[in-house]
Amino acid sequence: MKKYLLISLLTALFFHQTVQAETTTPDKTRYDPLFVPIDIILFRPLGLATTITGSALFIAISPFTALSAIAPPHDAFERVGDIFVALPAIYTFMRPIGDKRFTRNYD
């Protein structure tokens, strides 16, 4: 009886690990191996340049942003900073290499 119990427990453990390993595989629809060299050579430097340019533009138009922040909802600096600085920085530094998507939800 102990032999059958041990075999069934080992079998259950074996299948449990297989199921867990199968669910943690990366999503292959987001990753394109052919896009990796293009991403490293072209899109990352362009993203860095866009982040630097956006930061300069954010500083340059901050007086106008301050004027538009007077009216409610008072979130003009957040919106402009998000568009000019945060989105290019997230695309450049937070996005996994080879991922073509452009979303803000990178953790």
PDB file of N, CA and C in Angstrom:
ATOM      1  N   MET A   1       0.816  -1.188   0.000  1.00  0.00           N
ATOM      2  CA  MET A   1       0.000   0.000   0.000  1.00  0.00           C
ATOM      3  C   MET A   1       0.862   1.256   0.000  1.00  0.00           C
ATOM      4  N   LYS A   2       1.977   1.232   0.762  1.00  0.00           N
ATOM      5  CA  LYS A   2       2.865   2.375   0.800  1.00  0.00           C
ATOM      6  C   LYS A   2       3.501   2.633  -0.563  1.00  0.00           C
ATOM      7  N   LYS A   3       3.747   1.553  -1.286  1.00  0.00           N
ATOM      8  CA  LYS A   3       4.360   1.678  -2.605  1.00  0.00           C
ATOM      9  C   LYS A   3       3.423   2.419  -3.558  1.00  0.00           C
ATOM     10  N   TYR A   4       2.142   2.092  -3.568  1.00  0.00           N
ATOM     11  CA  TYR A   4       1.180   2.750  -4.453  1.00  0.00           C
ATOM     12  C   TYR A   4       0.965   4.213  -4.052  1.00  0.00           C
ATOM     13  N   LEU A   5       0.987   4.480  -2.770  1.00  0.00           N
ATOM     14  CA  LEU A   5       0.832   5.842  -2.282  1.00  0.00           C
ATOM     15  C   LEU A   5       2.029   6.701  -2.711  1.00  0.00           C
ATOM     16  N   LEU A   6       3.230   6.145  -2.591  1.00  0.00           N
ATOM     17  CA  LEU A   6       4.420   6.869  -2.988  1.00  0.00           C
ATOM     18  C   LEU A   6       4.435   7.120  -4.491  1.00  0.00           C
ATOM     19  N   ILE A   7       4.071   6.133  -5.285  1.00  0.00           N
ATOM     20  CA  ILE A   7       4.029   6.288  -6.746  1.00  0.00           C
ATOM     21  C   ILE A   7       2.985   7.324  -7.152  1.00  0.00           C
ATOM     22  N   SER A   8       1.830   7.304  -6.525  1.00  0.00           N
ATOM     23  CA  SER A   8       0.792   8.278  -6.879  1.00  0.00           C
ATOM     24  C   SER A   8       1.189   9.692  -6.462  1.00  0.00           C
ATOM     25  N   LEU A   9       1.852   9.853  -5.313  1.00  0.00           N
ATOM     26  CA  LEU A   9       2.313  11.175  -4.894  1.00  0.00           C
ATOM     27  C   LEU A   9       3.403  11.711  -5.820  1.00  0.00           C
ATOM     28  N   LEU A  10       4.332  10.858  -6.204  1.00  0.00           N
ATOM     29  CA  LEU A  10       5.379  11.290  -7.129  1.00  0.00           C
ATOM     30  C   LEU A  10       4.809  11.641  -8.501  1.00  0.00           C
ATOM     31  N   THR A  11       3.836  10.870  -8.947  1.00  0.00           N
ATOM     32  CA  THR A  11       3.193  11.169 -10.228  1.00  0.00           C
ATOM     33  C   THR A  11       2.454  12.503 -10.156  1.00  0.00           C
ATOM     34  N   ALA A  12       1.736  12.736  -9.071  1.00  0.00           N
ATOM     35  CA  ALA A  12       1.021  14.006  -8.913  1.00  0.00           C
ATOM     36  C   ALA A  12       2.009  15.166  -8.856  1.00  0.00           C
ATOM     37  N   LEU A  13       3.119  14.995  -8.160  1.00  0.00           N
ATOM     38  CA  LEU A  13       4.129  16.043  -8.094  1.00  0.00           C
ATOM     39  C   LEU A  13       4.738  16.299  -9.467  1.00  0.00           C
ATOM     40  N   PHE A  14       4.995  15.261 -10.223  1.00  0.00           N
ATOM     41  CA  PHE A  14       5.559  15.405 -11.561  1.00  0.00           C
ATOM     42  C   PHE A  14       4.611  16.196 -12.468  1.00  0.00           C
ATOM     43  N   PHE A  15       3.331  15.858 -12.469  1.00  0.00           N
ATOM     44  CA  PHE A  15       2.383  16.570 -13.324  1.00  0.00           C
ATOM     45  C   PHE A  15       2.129  17.989 -12.825  1.00  0.00           C
ATOM     46  N   HIS A  16       2.184  18.197 -11.541  1.00  0.00           N
ATOM     47  CA  HIS A  16       1.994  19.539 -10.991  1.00  0.00           C
ATOM     48  C   HIS A  16       3.109  20.465 -11.460  1.00  0.00           C
ATOM     49  N   GLN A  17       4.348  20.028 -11.453  1.00  0.00           N
ATOM     50  CA  GLN A  17       5.460  20.854 -11.907  1.00  0.00           C
ATOM     51  C   GLN A  17       5.356  21.118 -13.395  1.00  0.00           C
ATOM     52  N   THR A  18       4.901  20.168 -14.164  1.00  0.00           N
ATOM     53  CA  THR A  18       4.751  20.364 -15.597  1.00  0.00           C
ATOM     54  C   THR A  18       3.703  21.416 -15.892  1.00  0.00           C
ATOM     55  N   VAL A  19       2.607  21.387 -15.191  1.00  0.00           N
ATOM     56  CA  VAL A  19       1.552  22.369 -15.409  1.00  0.00           C
ATOM     57  C   VAL A  19       2.042  23.757 -15.029  1.00  0.00           C
ATOM     58  N   GLN A  20       2.746  23.885 -13.913  1.00  0.00           N
ATOM     59  CA  GLN A  20       3.264  25.178 -13.497  1.00  0.00           C
ATOM     60  C   GLN A  20       4.283  25.702 -14.500  1.00  0.00           C
ATOM     61  N   ALA A  21       5.151  24.859 -14.997  1.00  0.00           N
ATOM     62  CA  ALA A  21       6.148  25.295 -15.964  1.00  0.00           C
ATOM     63  C   ALA A  21       5.488  25.708 -17.269  1.00  0.00           C
ATOM     64  N   GLU A  22       4.409  25.076 -17.624  1.00  0.00           N
ATOM     65  CA  GLU A  22       3.728  25.413 -18.865  1.00  0.00           C
ATOM     66  C   GLU A  22       3.040  26.764 -18.781  1.00  0.00           C
ATOM     67  N   THR A  23       2.522  27.135 -17.630  1.00  0.00           N
ATOM     68  CA  THR A  23       1.810  28.397 -17.502  1.00  0.00           C
ATOM     69  C   THR A  23       2.742  29.583 -17.367  1.00  0.00           C
ATOM     70  N   THR A  24       4.022  29.378 -17.062  1.00  0.00           N
ATOM     71  CA  THR A  24       4.934  30.496 -16.893  1.00  0.00           C
ATOM     72  C   THR A  24       5.775  30.770 -18.129  1.00  0.00           C
ATOM     73  N   THR A  25       5.491  30.150 -19.251  1.00  0.00           N
ATOM     74  CA  THR A  25       6.243  30.428 -20.466  1.00  0.00           C
ATOM     75  C   THR A  25       5.883  31.813 -20.974  1.00  0.00           C
ATOM     76  N   PRO A  26       6.827  32.532 -21.572  1.00  0.00           N
ATOM     77  CA  PRO A  26       6.537  33.882 -22.053  1.00  0.00           C
ATOM     78  C   PRO A  26       5.586  33.864 -23.246  1.00  0.00           C
ATOM     79  N   ASP A  27       4.880  34.950 -23.402  1.00  0.00           N
ATOM     80  CA  ASP A  27       3.943  35.095 -24.503  1.00  0.00           C
ATOM     81  C   ASP A  27       4.726  35.345 -25.784  1.00  0.00           C
ATOM     82  N   LYS A  28       4.648  34.423 -26.729  1.00  0.00           N
ATOM     83  CA  LYS A  28       5.435  34.526 -27.948  1.00  0.00           C
ATOM     84  C   LYS A  28       4.862  35.530 -28.947  1.00  0.00           C
ATOM     85  N   THR A  29       3.653  35.997 -28.742  1.00  0.00           N
ATOM     86  CA  THR A  29       3.086  36.973 -29.668  1.00  0.00           C
ATOM     87  C   THR A  29       3.688  38.357 -29.450  1.00  0.00           C
ATOM     88  N   ARG A  30       4.249  38.623 -28.271  1.00  0.00           N
ATOM     89  CA  ARG A  30       4.834  39.928 -28.002  1.00  0.00           C
ATOM     90  C   ARG A  30       6.290  40.008 -28.435  1.00  0.00           C
ATOM     91  N   TYR A  31       6.975  38.888 -28.518  1.00  0.00           N
ATOM     92  CA  TYR A  31       8.413  38.861 -28.781  1.00  0.00           C
ATOM     93  C   TYR A  31       8.672  38.418 -30.211  1.00  0.00           C
ATOM     94  N   ASP A  32       9.488  39.190 -30.925  1.00  0.00           N
ATOM     95  CA  ASP A  32       9.851  38.847 -32.291  1.00  0.00           C
ATOM     96  C   ASP A  32      11.380  38.827 -32.387  1.00  0.00           C
ATOM     97  N   PRO A  33      11.992  37.665 -32.583  1.00  0.00           N
ATOM     98  CA  PRO A  33      13.454  37.601 -32.624  1.00  0.00           C
ATOM     99  C   PRO A  33      14.064  38.386 -33.781  1.00  0.00           C
ATOM    100  N   LEU A  34      13.336  38.550 -34.868  1.00  0.00           N
ATOM    101  CA  LEU A  34      13.859  39.315 -35.994  1.00  0.00           C
ATOM    102  C   LEU A  34      13.836  40.815 -35.724  1.00  0.00           C
ATOM    103  N   PHE A  35      13.053  41.249 -34.761  1.00  0.00           N
ATOM    104  CA  PHE A  35      12.949  42.661 -34.426  1.00  0.00           C
ATOM    105  C   PHE A  35      14.029  43.103 -33.441  1.00  0.00           C
ATOM    106  N   VAL A  36      14.714  42.169 -32.795  1.00  0.00           N
ATOM    107  CA  VAL A  36      15.697  42.499 -31.754  1.00  0.00           C
ATOM    108  C   VAL A  36      16.839  43.362 -32.295  1.00  0.00           C
ATOM    109  N   PRO A  37      17.517  42.998 -33.396  1.00  0.00           N
ATOM    110  CA  PRO A  37      18.615  43.867 -33.873  1.00  0.00           C
ATOM    111  C   PRO A  37      18.119  45.249 -34.302  1.00  0.00           C
ATOM    112  N   ILE A  38      16.963  45.307 -34.926  1.00  0.00           N
ATOM    113  CA  ILE A  38      16.404  46.595 -35.335  1.00  0.00           C
ATOM    114  C   ILE A  38      16.062  47.429 -34.106  1.00  0.00           C
ATOM    115  N   ASP A  39      15.568  46.758 -33.089  1.00  0.00           N
ATOM    116  CA  ASP A  39      15.221  47.453 -31.851  1.00  0.00           C
ATOM    117  C   ASP A  39      16.467  48.028 -31.183  1.00  0.00           C
ATOM    118  N   ILE A  40      17.537  47.255 -31.117  1.00  0.00           N
ATOM    119  CA  ILE A  40      18.754  47.710 -30.442  1.00  0.00           C
ATOM    120  C   ILE A  40      19.469  48.794 -31.249  1.00  0.00           C
ATOM    121  N   ILE A  41      19.535  48.624 -32.556  1.00  0.00           N
ATOM    122  CA  ILE A  41      20.300  49.555 -33.389  1.00  0.00           C
ATOM    123  C   ILE A  41      19.523  50.829 -33.705  1.00  0.00           C
ATOM    124  N   LEU A  42      18.224  50.727 -33.919  1.00  0.00           N
ATOM    125  CA  LEU A  42      17.462  51.874 -34.400  1.00  0.00           C
ATOM    126  C   LEU A  42      16.503  52.453 -33.364  1.00  0.00           C
ATOM    127  N   PHE A  43      15.620  51.626 -32.806  1.00  0.00           N
ATOM    128  CA  PHE A  43      14.534  52.153 -31.988  1.00  0.00           C
ATOM    129  C   PHE A  43      14.970  52.606 -30.601  1.00  0.00           C
ATOM    130  N   ARG A  44      15.922  51.946 -29.977  1.00  0.00           N
ATOM    131  CA  ARG A  44      16.379  52.391 -28.657  1.00  0.00           C
ATOM    132  C   ARG A  44      17.099  53.740 -28.728  1.00  0.00           C
ATOM    133  N   PRO A  45      18.045  53.949 -29.673  1.00  0.00           N
ATOM    134  CA  PRO A  45      18.641  55.290 -29.766  1.00  0.00           C
ATOM    135  C   PRO A  45      17.626  56.370 -30.147  1.00  0.00           C
ATOM    136  N   LEU A  46      16.679  56.044 -31.017  1.00  0.00           N
ATOM    137  CA  LEU A  46      15.638  57.025 -31.342  1.00  0.00           C
ATOM    138  C   LEU A  46      14.768  57.325 -30.131  1.00  0.00           C
ATOM    139  N   GLY A  47      14.482  56.328 -29.331  1.00  0.00           N
ATOM    140  CA  GLY A  47      13.719  56.546 -28.107  1.00  0.00           C
ATOM    141  C   GLY A  47      14.477  57.414 -27.120  1.00  0.00           C
ATOM    142  N   LEU A  48      15.791  57.221 -27.011  1.00  0.00           N
ATOM    143  CA  LEU A  48      16.602  58.056 -26.135  1.00  0.00           C
ATOM    144  C   LEU A  48      16.613  59.500 -26.633  1.00  0.00           C
ATOM    145  N   ALA A  49      16.774  59.692 -27.936  1.00  0.00           N
ATOM    146  CA  ALA A  49      16.745  61.044 -28.504  1.00  0.00           C
ATOM    147  C   ALA A  49      15.382  61.694 -28.301  1.00  0.00           C
ATOM    148  N   THR A  50      14.327  60.924 -28.441  1.00  0.00           N
ATOM    149  CA  THR A  50      12.984  61.453 -28.222  1.00  0.00           C
ATOM    150  C   THR A  50      12.773  61.824 -26.762  1.00  0.00           C
ATOM    151  N   THR A  51      13.308  61.046 -25.847  1.00  0.00           N
ATOM    152  CA  THR A  51      13.193  61.361 -24.428  1.00  0.00           C
ATOM    153  C   THR A  51      13.926  62.658 -24.101  1.00  0.00           C
ATOM    154  N   ILE A  52      15.127  62.832 -24.624  1.00  0.00           N
ATOM    155  CA  ILE A  52      15.898  64.055 -24.378  1.00  0.00           C
ATOM    156  C   ILE A  52      15.215  65.266 -25.004  1.00  0.00           C
ATOM    157  N   THR A  53      14.742  65.120 -26.252  1.00  0.00           N
ATOM    158  CA  THR A  53      14.042  66.218 -26.920  1.00  0.00           C
ATOM    159  C   THR A  53      12.743  66.549 -26.207  1.00  0.00           C
ATOM    160  N   GLY A  54      12.016  65.546 -25.777  1.00  0.00           N
ATOM    161  CA  GLY A  54      10.774  65.775 -25.045  1.00  0.00           C
ATOM    162  C   GLY A  54      11.004  66.471 -23.723  1.00  0.00           C
ATOM    163  N   SER A  55      12.102  66.132 -23.047  1.00  0.00           N
ATOM    164  CA  SER A  55      12.428  66.811 -21.792  1.00  0.00           C
ATOM    165  C   SER A  55      12.730  68.282 -22.035  1.00  0.00           C
ATOM    166  N   ALA A  56      13.469  68.578 -23.109  1.00  0.00           N
ATOM    167  CA  ALA A  56      13.768  69.975 -23.445  1.00  0.00           C
ATOM    168  C   ALA A  56      12.489  70.730 -23.818  1.00  0.00           C
ATOM    169  N   LEU A  57      11.617  70.091 -24.582  1.00  0.00           N
ATOM    170  CA  LEU A  57      10.348  70.738 -24.934  1.00  0.00           C
ATOM    171  C   LEU A  57       9.462  70.943 -23.713  1.00  0.00           C
ATOM    172  N   PHE A  58       9.476  69.995 -22.797  1.00  0.00           N
ATOM    173  CA  PHE A  58       8.691  70.134 -21.575  1.00  0.00           C
ATOM    174  C   PHE A  58       9.152  71.344 -20.767  1.00  0.00           C
ATOM    175  N   ILE A  59      10.464  71.545 -20.681  1.00  0.00           N
ATOM    176  CA  ILE A  59      10.986  72.710 -19.975  1.00  0.00           C
ATOM    177  C   ILE A  59      10.652  73.989 -20.734  1.00  0.00           C
ATOM    178  N   ALA A  60      10.749  73.939 -22.062  1.00  0.00           N
ATOM    179  CA  ALA A  60      10.505  75.142 -22.861  1.00  0.00           C
ATOM    180  C   ALA A  60       9.046  75.600 -22.798  1.00  0.00           C
ATOM    181  N   ILE A  61       8.107  74.674 -22.763  1.00  0.00           N
ATOM    182  CA  ILE A  61       6.701  75.079 -22.766  1.00  0.00           C
ATOM    183  C   ILE A  61       6.075  75.073 -21.382  1.00  0.00           C
ATOM    184  N   SER A  62       6.911  74.941 -20.338  1.00  0.00           N
ATOM    185  CA  SER A  62       6.351  74.919 -18.985  1.00  0.00           C
ATOM    186  C   SER A  62       5.639  76.214 -18.592  1.00  0.00           C
ATOM    187  N   PRO A  63       6.046  77.419 -19.072  1.00  0.00           N
ATOM    188  CA  PRO A  63       5.244  78.606 -18.737  1.00  0.00           C
ATOM    189  C   PRO A  63       3.825  78.540 -19.309  1.00  0.00           C
ATOM    190  N   PHE A  64       3.695  78.025 -20.516  1.00  0.00           N
ATOM    191  CA  PHE A  64       2.364  77.888 -21.112  1.00  0.00           C
ATOM    192  C   PHE A  64       1.555  76.803 -20.406  1.00  0.00           C
ATOM    193  N   THR A  65       2.254  75.774 -19.972  1.00  0.00           N
ATOM    194  CA  THR A  65       1.589  74.719 -19.220  1.00  0.00           C
ATOM    195  C   THR A  65       1.088  75.245 -17.881  1.00  0.00           C
ATOM    196  N   ALA A  66       1.873  76.127 -17.267  1.00  0.00           N
ATOM    197  CA  ALA A  66       1.447  76.723 -16.000  1.00  0.00           C
ATOM    198  C   ALA A  66       0.185  77.565 -16.192  1.00  0.00           C
ATOM    199  N   LEU A  67       0.101  78.271 -17.308  1.00  0.00           N
ATOM    200  CA  LEU A  67      -1.109  79.050 -17.586  1.00  0.00           C
ATOM    201  C   LEU A  67      -2.317  78.151 -17.788  1.00  0.00           C
ATOM    202  N   SER A  68      -2.118  77.028 -18.450  1.00  0.00           N
ATOM    203  CA  SER A  68      -3.254  76.136 -18.675  1.00  0.00           C
ATOM    204  C   SER A  68      -3.605  75.323 -17.430  1.00  0.00           C
ATOM    205  N   ALA A  69      -2.710  75.290 -16.447  1.00  0.00           N
ATOM    206  CA  ALA A  69      -2.997  74.555 -15.211  1.00  0.00           C
ATOM    207  C   ALA A  69      -3.844  75.364 -14.237  1.00  0.00           C
ATOM    208  N   ILE A  70      -4.097  76.625 -14.566  1.00  0.00           N
ATOM    209  CA  ILE A  70      -4.909  77.454 -13.681  1.00  0.00           C
ATOM    210  C   ILE A  70      -6.348  76.943 -13.639  1.00  0.00           C
ATOM    211  N   ALA A  71      -6.864  76.575 -14.794  1.00  0.00           N
ATOM    212  CA  ALA A  71      -8.250  76.086 -14.867  1.00  0.00           C
ATOM    213  C   ALA A  71      -8.315  74.637 -14.378  1.00  0.00           C
ATOM    214  N   PRO A  72      -9.440  74.277 -13.768  1.00  0.00           N
ATOM    215  CA  PRO A  72      -9.586  72.877 -13.334  1.00  0.00           C
ATOM    216  C   PRO A  72      -9.514  71.941 -14.524  1.00  0.00           C
ATOM    217  N   PRO A  73      -9.020  70.784 -14.423  1.00  0.00           N
ATOM    218  CA  PRO A  73      -8.709  69.926 -13.279  1.00  0.00           C
ATOM    219  C   PRO A  73      -7.286  70.062 -12.757  1.00  0.00           C
ATOM    220  N   HIS A  74      -6.516  71.046 -13.151  1.00  0.00           N
ATOM    221  CA  HIS A  74      -5.187  71.353 -12.615  1.00  0.00           C
ATOM    222  C   HIS A  74      -4.187  70.212 -12.823  1.00  0.00           C
ATOM    223  N   ASP A  75      -4.294  69.480 -13.886  1.00  0.00           N
ATOM    224  CA  ASP A  75      -3.353  68.381 -14.139  1.00  0.00           C
ATOM    225  C   ASP A  75      -2.581  68.570 -15.448  1.00  0.00           C
ATOM    226  N   ALA A  76      -2.381  69.806 -15.849  1.00  0.00           N
ATOM    227  CA  ALA A  76      -1.706  70.067 -17.120  1.00  0.00           C
ATOM    228  C   ALA A  76      -0.256  69.592 -17.093  1.00  0.00           C
ATOM    229  N   PHE A  77       0.448  69.828 -15.979  1.00  0.00           N
ATOM    230  CA  PHE A  77       1.848  69.392 -15.909  1.00  0.00           C
ATOM    231  C   PHE A  77       1.961  67.872 -15.980  1.00  0.00           C
ATOM    232  N   GLU A  78       1.058  67.172 -15.353  1.00  0.00           N
ATOM    233  CA  GLU A  78       1.086  65.705 -15.402  1.00  0.00           C
ATOM    234  C   GLU A  78       0.840  65.201 -16.821  1.00  0.00           C
ATOM    235  N   ARG A  79      -0.134  65.794 -17.491  1.00  0.00           N
ATOM    236  CA  ARG A  79      -0.449  65.347 -18.854  1.00  0.00           C
ATOM    237  C   ARG A  79       0.679  65.648 -19.829  1.00  0.00           C
ATOM    238  N   VAL A  80       1.216  66.858 -19.768  1.00  0.00           N
ATOM    239  CA  VAL A  80       2.304  67.231 -20.681  1.00  0.00           C
ATOM    240  C   VAL A  80       3.559  66.429 -20.361  1.00  0.00           C
ATOM    241  N   GLY A  81       3.866  66.252 -19.084  1.00  0.00           N
ATOM    242  CA  GLY A  81       5.026  65.447 -18.707  1.00  0.00           C
ATOM    243  C   GLY A  81       4.887  64.000 -19.121  1.00  0.00           C
ATOM    244  N   ASP A  82       3.663  63.497 -19.059  1.00  0.00           N
ATOM    245  CA  ASP A  82       3.412  62.126 -19.482  1.00  0.00           C
ATOM    246  C   ASP A  82       3.654  61.967 -20.981  1.00  0.00           C
ATOM    247  N   ILE A  83       3.192  62.925 -21.755  1.00  0.00           N
ATOM    248  CA  ILE A  83       3.318  62.824 -23.210  1.00  0.00           C
ATOM    249  C   ILE A  83       4.745  63.060 -23.673  1.00  0.00           C
ATOM    250  N   PHE A  84       5.390  64.108 -23.150  1.00  0.00           N
ATOM    251  CA  PHE A  84       6.713  64.488 -23.653  1.00  0.00           C
ATOM    252  C   PHE A  84       7.871  63.722 -23.018  1.00  0.00           C
ATOM    253  N   VAL A  85       7.737  63.291 -21.784  1.00  0.00           N
ATOM    254  CA  VAL A  85       8.879  62.675 -21.094  1.00  0.00           C
ATOM    255  C   VAL A  85       8.626  61.212 -20.739  1.00  0.00           C
ATOM    256  N   ALA A  86       7.514  60.932 -20.073  1.00  0.00           N
ATOM    257  CA  ALA A  86       7.301  59.586 -19.527  1.00  0.00           C
ATOM    258  C   ALA A  86       7.097  58.529 -20.614  1.00  0.00           C
ATOM    259  N   LEU A  87       6.264  58.808 -21.604  1.00  0.00           N
ATOM    260  CA  LEU A  87       6.007  57.794 -22.630  1.00  0.00           C
ATOM    261  C   LEU A  87       7.255  57.421 -23.433  1.00  0.00           C
ATOM    262  N   PRO A  88       8.056  58.389 -23.907  1.00  0.00           N
ATOM    263  CA  PRO A  88       9.291  57.973 -24.583  1.00  0.00           C
ATOM    264  C   PRO A  88      10.274  57.244 -23.664  1.00  0.00           C
ATOM    265  N   ALA A  89      10.332  57.654 -22.391  1.00  0.00           N
ATOM    266  CA  ALA A  89      11.239  56.981 -21.461  1.00  0.00           C
ATOM    267  C   ALA A  89      10.786  55.553 -21.186  1.00  0.00           C
ATOM    268  N   ILE A  90       9.485  55.353 -21.030  1.00  0.00           N
ATOM    269  CA  ILE A  90       8.961  54.001 -20.819  1.00  0.00           C
ATOM    270  C   ILE A  90       9.223  53.140 -22.046  1.00  0.00           C
ATOM    271  N   TYR A  91       9.013  53.705 -23.239  1.00  0.00           N
ATOM    272  CA  TYR A  91       9.261  52.952 -24.465  1.00  0.00           C
ATOM    273  C   TYR A  91      10.736  52.583 -24.594  1.00  0.00           C
ATOM    274  N   THR A  92      11.623  53.466 -24.178  1.00  0.00           N
ATOM    275  CA  THR A  92      13.050  53.223 -24.343  1.00  0.00           C
ATOM    276  C   THR A  92      13.620  52.315 -23.266  1.00  0.00           C
ATOM    277  N   PHE A  93      13.258  52.547 -22.004  1.00  0.00           N
ATOM    278  CA  PHE A  93      13.948  51.882 -20.906  1.00  0.00           C
ATOM    279  C   PHE A  93      13.168  50.747 -20.256  1.00  0.00           C
ATOM    280  N   MET A  94      11.852  50.761 -20.310  1.00  0.00           N
ATOM    281  CA  MET A  94      11.058  49.752 -19.611  1.00  0.00           C
ATOM    282  C   MET A  94      10.585  48.620 -20.521  1.00  0.00           C
ATOM    283  N   ARG A  95      10.484  48.870 -21.806  1.00  0.00           N
ATOM    284  CA  ARG A  95       9.967  47.867 -22.736  1.00  0.00           C
ATOM    285  C   ARG A  95      10.998  46.765 -22.934  1.00  0.00           C
ATOM    286  N   PRO A  96      10.591  45.502 -22.875  1.00  0.00           N
ATOM    287  CA  PRO A  96      11.538  44.409 -23.123  1.00  0.00           C
ATOM    288  C   PRO A  96      12.069  44.454 -24.558  1.00  0.00           C
ATOM    289  N   ILE A  97      13.300  44.034 -24.733  1.00  0.00           N
ATOM    290  CA  ILE A  97      13.910  44.050 -26.062  1.00  0.00           C
ATOM    291  C   ILE A  97      13.187  43.059 -26.961  1.00  0.00           C
ATOM    292  N   GLY A  98      12.820  43.500 -28.139  1.00  0.00           N
ATOM    293  CA  GLY A  98      12.114  42.665 -29.099  1.00  0.00           C
ATOM    294  C   GLY A  98      10.609  42.763 -29.011  1.00  0.00           C
ATOM    295  N   ASP A  99      10.101  43.550 -28.081  1.00  0.00           N
ATOM    296  CA  ASP A  99       8.657  43.719 -27.913  1.00  0.00           C
ATOM    297  C   ASP A  99       8.212  44.920 -28.744  1.00  0.00           C
ATOM    298  N   LYS A 100       7.312  44.696 -29.685  1.00  0.00           N
ATOM    299  CA  LYS A 100       6.880  45.756 -30.593  1.00  0.00           C
ATOM    300  C   LYS A 100       5.765  46.624 -30.034  1.00  0.00           C
ATOM    301  N   ARG A 101       5.153  46.195 -28.945  1.00  0.00           N
ATOM    302  CA  ARG A 101       4.006  46.935 -28.422  1.00  0.00           C
ATOM    303  C   ARG A 101       4.430  48.270 -27.835  1.00  0.00           C
ATOM    304  N   PHE A 102       3.518  49.214 -27.853  1.00  0.00           N
ATOM    305  CA  PHE A 102       3.755  50.515 -27.235  1.00  0.00           C
ATOM    306  C   PHE A 102       2.655  50.753 -26.224  1.00  0.00           C
ATOM    307  N   THR A 103       2.861  50.259 -25.006  1.00  0.00           N
ATOM    308  CA  THR A 103       1.884  50.441 -23.941  1.00  0.00           C
ATOM    309  C   THR A 103       2.584  50.986 -22.710  1.00  0.00           C
ATOM    310  N   ARG A 104       1.799  51.443 -21.763  1.00  0.00           N
ATOM    311  CA  ARG A 104       2.337  51.987 -20.523  1.00  0.00           C
ATOM    312  C   ARG A 104       2.404  50.936 -19.430  1.00  0.00           C
ATOM    313  N   ASN A 105       1.906  49.760 -19.647  1.00  0.00           N
ATOM    314  CA  ASN A 105       1.718  48.783 -18.583  1.00  0.00           C
ATOM    315  C   ASN A 105       2.900  47.851 -18.387  1.00  0.00           C
ATOM    316  N   TYR A 106       4.115  48.361 -18.520  1.00  0.00           N
ATOM    317  CA  TYR A 106       5.283  47.536 -18.250  1.00  0.00           C
ATOM    318  C   TYR A 106       5.582  47.617 -16.764  1.00  0.00           C
ATOM    319  N   ASP A 107       5.720  46.472 -16.143  1.00  0.00           N
ATOM    320  CA  ASP A 107       5.998  46.445 -14.700  1.00  0.00           C
ATOM    321  C   ASP A 107       7.434  46.077 -14.451  1.00  0.00           C
TER     322      ASP A 107
END
